Amino acid sequence: MPVAAKTPKSPRTRPFSAKMAAELSIRLPQIYPDAHCELVYSNPLELLVATILSAQCTDKRVNLVTKDLFKRCRTAEDYASIPQDELEAIVHSTGFYRNKAKNLRAMGAALVAKHGGEVPSTLEALAALPGAGRKTANVVLGNAFSINEGVVVDTHVGRLSQRLGLTSFQDPIRIEQDLIKLFPRDSWTDLSHWLIFHGRRRCPARKPDCPHCELQDICPSVPKLVS
């Protein structure tokens, strides 16, 4: 009788992944003690708007746009009532400006109609807002409300999670599921900041700076990336 093939262990339960996560939990806060959300905001509504605008756009560009936008729109009612063409003109440089303007107006209307004009502090309610979703909800909860409901998986977090051997998935939801099993809940928001900082400063998609990387001695992707 042929021997049944062993079922491969999920990357989520591999000892290597857990060991890597433990080491990163020590190193990353030492490398980036000041890591933070680089979107400029002063309240949950501003962060929600900035995060919606950040889709396919740099934080630097968003911050330039919101400098004027936040003077024009200060409340959910302002976003619900601002004319589409005026809002499009303000957010034009962030890309996909028609959809973003449409979503911001609908988001404002939804906040007024369903939440008394206030930004909700639950994952389900935030993710259901027009233009939002799970990633945006995690950004707002973690940074504006200090609530760790999940890990923000943007392009940097996804790329580094794969390169560091924390996941084998490409889907953000599956990556997040792996990360929340590997890292303690109280570090989830910080984890996204650490990985985003490292991705922007040391490990971009093209030409990562492996020779100067603080994690080169433990990163399993170094041989492939420097070859």
Protein backbone atom coordinates (compact mmCIF):
# COMPACT_ATOMS: atom_id res chain seq x y z
CA MET A 1 0.00 0.00 0.00
CA PRO A 2 1.47 3.37 -1.00
CA VAL A 3 2.30 5.73 1.80
CA ALA A 4 -0.01 8.73 1.88
CA ALA A 5 1.72 12.00 1.17
CA LYS A 6 2.15 14.23 4.19
CA THR A 7 0.05 17.34 4.21
CA PRO A 8 2.41 20.32 4.09
CA LYS A 9 2.22 22.64 7.03
CA SER A 10 0.60 25.98 6.45
CA PRO A 11 3.05 28.87 6.38
CA ARG A 12 1.05 30.22 9.30
CA THR A 13 2.22 27.36 11.53
CA ARG A 14 5.80 26.96 10.32
CA PRO A 15 8.31 27.28 13.16
CA PHE A 16 10.44 29.53 10.93
CA SER A 17 7.63 32.07 10.59
CA ALA A 18 7.04 32.20 14.33
CA LYS A 19 10.77 32.55 15.01
CA MET A 20 11.04 35.32 12.43
CA ALA A 21 8.05 37.15 13.93
CA ALA A 22 9.59 36.97 17.40
CA GLU A 23 12.89 38.38 16.12
CA LEU A 24 11.17 41.15 14.16
CA SER A 25 9.16 42.11 17.26
CA ILE A 26 12.47 42.86 18.94
CA ARG A 27 14.36 44.45 16.07
CA LEU A 28 11.81 46.59 14.23
CA PRO A 29 10.87 48.84 17.17
CA GLN A 30 14.58 49.42 17.76
CA ILE A 31 15.22 50.28 14.10
CA TYR A 32 12.12 52.47 13.76
CA PRO A 33 11.22 53.77 17.23
CA ASP A 34 9.38 56.74 15.71
CA ALA A 35 7.42 54.84 13.04
CA HIS A 36 3.97 56.32 12.62
CA CYS A 37 1.18 57.00 10.14
CA GLU A 38 2.59 59.53 7.69
CA LEU A 39 -0.78 60.89 6.65
CA VAL A 40 -1.42 64.27 8.29
CA TYR A 41 -4.69 64.44 10.24
CA SER A 42 -6.13 65.89 13.43
CA ASN A 43 -9.28 63.79 13.93
CA PRO A 44 -10.86 60.50 12.77
CA LEU A 45 -12.75 62.13 9.89
CA GLU A 46 -9.60 63.66 8.44
CA LEU A 47 -7.76 60.34 8.68
CA LEU A 48 -10.66 58.53 7.03
CA VAL A 49 -10.67 61.01 4.14
CA ALA A 50 -6.89 60.97 3.77
CA THR A 51 -6.81 57.17 3.73
CA ILE A 52 -9.48 57.00 1.03
CA LEU A 53 -7.46 59.45 -1.05
CA SER A 54 -4.25 57.48 -0.50
CA ALA A 55 -5.36 54.63 -2.78
CA GLN A 56 -2.84 54.47 -5.64
CA CYS A 57 -1.28 57.69 -4.36
CA THR A 58 1.64 58.62 -2.13
CA ASP A 59 1.10 59.95 1.37
CA LYS A 60 3.18 62.98 0.44
CA ARG A 61 0.80 63.91 -2.38
CA VAL A 62 -2.26 63.26 -0.23
CA ASN A 63 -0.91 65.55 2.48
CA LEU A 64 -0.50 68.34 -0.06
CA VAL A 65 -4.11 67.91 -1.21
CA THR A 66 -5.67 67.61 2.24
CA LYS A 67 -3.97 70.80 3.34
CA ASP A 68 -6.58 72.67 1.29
CA LEU A 69 -9.35 70.08 1.45
CA PHE A 70 -9.53 70.11 5.24
CA LYS A 71 -10.05 73.87 5.18
CA ARG A 72 -13.00 73.47 2.80
CA CYS A 73 -14.55 70.39 4.41
CA ARG A 74 -14.53 70.15 8.19
CA THR A 75 -17.55 67.92 8.87
CA ALA A 76 -19.34 64.96 7.35
CA GLU A 77 -22.06 67.36 6.28
CA ASP A 78 -19.48 69.35 4.31
CA TYR A 79 -18.45 66.28 2.33
CA ALA A 80 -22.07 65.32 1.72
CA SER A 81 -22.94 68.75 0.35
CA ILE A 82 -19.85 69.83 -1.58
CA PRO A 83 -20.48 69.85 -5.36
CA GLN A 84 -18.92 66.96 -7.26
CA ASP A 85 -17.00 69.19 -9.67
CA GLU A 86 -15.53 71.30 -6.87
CA LEU A 87 -14.36 68.24 -4.96
CA GLU A 88 -12.93 66.70 -8.13
CA ALA A 89 -10.85 69.81 -8.70
CA ILE A 90 -9.44 69.66 -5.17
CA VAL A 91 -8.49 65.94 -5.22
CA HIS A 92 -7.55 65.77 -8.91
CA SER A 93 -3.82 65.21 -8.35
CA THR A 94 -4.37 62.10 -6.21
CA GLY A 95 -5.54 60.13 -9.25
CA PHE A 96 -8.89 58.43 -9.87
CA TYR A 97 -10.32 61.76 -8.78
CA ARG A 98 -13.85 61.23 -10.09
CA ASN A 99 -14.37 58.03 -8.11
CA LYS A 100 -12.62 59.42 -5.05
CA ALA A 101 -14.75 62.56 -5.08
CA LYS A 102 -17.89 60.47 -5.55
CA ASN A 103 -16.91 58.18 -2.67
CA LEU A 104 -16.07 61.06 -0.33
CA ARG A 105 -19.45 62.67 -0.94
CA ALA A 106 -21.22 59.34 -0.41
CA MET A 107 -19.11 58.68 2.68
CA GLY A 108 -20.17 62.03 4.15
CA ALA A 109 -23.81 61.29 3.40
CA ALA A 110 -23.54 57.84 5.01
CA LEU A 111 -21.96 59.28 8.15
CA VAL A 112 -24.75 61.82 8.43
CA ALA A 113 -27.54 59.33 7.75
CA LYS A 114 -26.28 56.38 9.80
CA HIS A 115 -23.83 57.68 12.40
CA GLY A 116 -24.97 61.15 13.38
CA GLY A 117 -22.17 62.72 11.38
CA GLU A 118 -19.49 60.98 13.44
CA VAL A 119 -16.90 58.43 12.33
CA PRO A 120 -17.81 55.03 13.82
CA SER A 121 -15.25 53.07 15.81
CA THR A 122 -16.07 49.53 14.72
CA LEU A 123 -14.50 47.57 11.89
CA GLU A 124 -17.81 46.57 10.36
CA ALA A 125 -19.23 50.09 10.25
CA LEU A 126 -16.05 51.66 8.92
CA ALA A 127 -15.47 49.02 6.26
CA ALA A 128 -19.03 49.50 5.00
CA LEU A 129 -18.53 53.20 4.24
CA PRO A 130 -18.25 54.19 0.55
CA GLY A 131 -14.64 54.25 -0.57
CA ALA A 132 -13.41 52.46 2.55
CA GLY A 133 -12.95 48.73 3.13
CA ARG A 134 -11.05 46.61 5.61
CA LYS A 135 -7.64 48.23 5.08
CA THR A 136 -9.00 51.76 5.51
CA ALA A 137 -10.97 50.63 8.55
CA ASN A 138 -7.82 49.19 10.14
CA VAL A 139 -5.92 52.42 9.47
CA VAL A 140 -8.59 54.55 11.14
CA LEU A 141 -9.19 52.22 14.07
CA GLY A 142 -5.52 51.71 14.85
CA ASN A 143 -4.39 55.31 14.49
CA ALA A 144 -7.40 57.49 15.33
CA PHE A 145 -8.97 55.25 17.99
CA SER A 146 -5.99 53.13 19.19
CA ILE A 147 -8.02 49.98 18.53
CA ASN A 148 -6.18 46.93 17.18
CA GLU A 149 -8.71 45.00 15.11
CA GLY A 150 -6.29 43.89 12.40
CA VAL A 151 -3.08 44.62 10.51
CA VAL A 152 -3.02 47.15 7.69
CA VAL A 153 -1.73 45.29 4.64
CA ASP A 154 -0.68 47.76 1.99
CA THR A 155 1.79 47.11 -0.82
CA HIS A 156 4.80 47.50 1.52
CA VAL A 157 3.45 45.23 4.26
CA GLY A 158 2.47 42.61 1.71
CA ARG A 159 5.87 42.68 -0.03
CA LEU A 160 7.91 42.52 3.17
CA SER A 161 5.73 39.80 4.67
CA GLN A 162 6.55 37.63 1.67
CA ARG A 163 10.24 38.51 1.54
CA LEU A 164 10.68 37.84 5.25
CA GLY A 165 8.93 34.48 5.05
CA LEU A 166 5.94 35.46 7.18
CA THR A 167 3.46 34.40 4.50
CA SER A 168 3.33 32.74 1.11
CA PHE A 169 0.10 34.47 0.09
CA GLN A 170 -0.40 37.47 -2.16
CA ASP A 171 -3.99 38.23 -1.19
CA PRO A 172 -4.03 40.98 1.48
CA ILE A 173 -6.72 39.23 3.53
CA ARG A 174 -4.74 35.99 3.68
CA ILE A 175 -1.56 37.90 4.51
CA GLU A 176 -3.34 39.69 7.33
CA GLN A 177 -4.62 36.37 8.68
CA ASP A 178 -1.05 35.08 8.83
CA LEU A 179 0.28 38.21 10.52
CA ILE A 180 -2.36 38.34 13.24
CA LYS A 181 -1.49 34.76 14.18
CA LEU A 182 2.21 35.53 14.37
CA PHE A 183 2.25 38.85 16.22
CA PRO A 184 0.60 39.90 19.52
CA ARG A 185 -2.57 41.94 19.17
CA ASP A 186 -1.21 45.01 20.91
CA SER A 187 1.50 45.35 18.24
CA TRP A 188 -0.69 45.10 15.11
CA THR A 189 -0.89 48.82 14.37
CA ASP A 190 2.79 49.35 15.16
CA LEU A 191 3.70 46.35 13.00
CA SER A 192 2.18 47.96 9.93
CA HIS A 193 4.09 51.19 10.63
CA TRP A 194 7.39 49.33 11.10
CA LEU A 195 7.01 47.37 7.88
CA ILE A 196 5.85 50.40 5.89
CA PHE A 197 8.82 52.44 7.13
CA HIS A 198 11.21 49.62 6.26
CA GLY A 199 9.61 49.12 2.86
CA ARG A 200 9.91 52.79 1.97
CA ARG A 201 13.38 53.36 3.37
CA ARG A 202 15.22 50.08 2.83
CA CYS A 203 13.20 47.46 0.97
CA PRO A 204 11.33 48.94 -2.04
CA ALA A 205 9.88 46.71 -4.73
CA ARG A 206 12.80 47.43 -7.05
CA LYS A 207 16.43 47.55 -6.01
CA PRO A 208 16.12 46.82 -2.29
CA ASP A 209 19.13 48.00 -0.31
CA CYS A 210 20.10 44.58 1.00
CA PRO A 211 23.80 45.43 1.64
CA HIS A 212 22.78 48.08 4.18
CA CYS A 213 19.62 46.41 5.47
CA GLU A 214 19.37 45.97 9.23
CA LEU A 215 17.61 42.63 8.65
CA GLN A 216 19.95 41.14 6.05
CA ASP A 217 21.31 38.54 8.48
CA ILE A 218 17.86 37.00 9.04
CA CYS A 219 16.04 37.74 5.76
CA PRO A 220 15.58 34.57 3.68
CA SER A 221 15.21 36.57 0.47
CA VAL A 222 18.64 38.21 0.48
CA PRO A 223 20.33 35.55 -1.71
CA LYS A 224 17.64 35.90 -4.35
CA LEU A 225 17.44 39.69 -4.22
CA VAL A 226 21.18 40.35 -4.49
CA SER A 227 21.90 37.73 -7.13
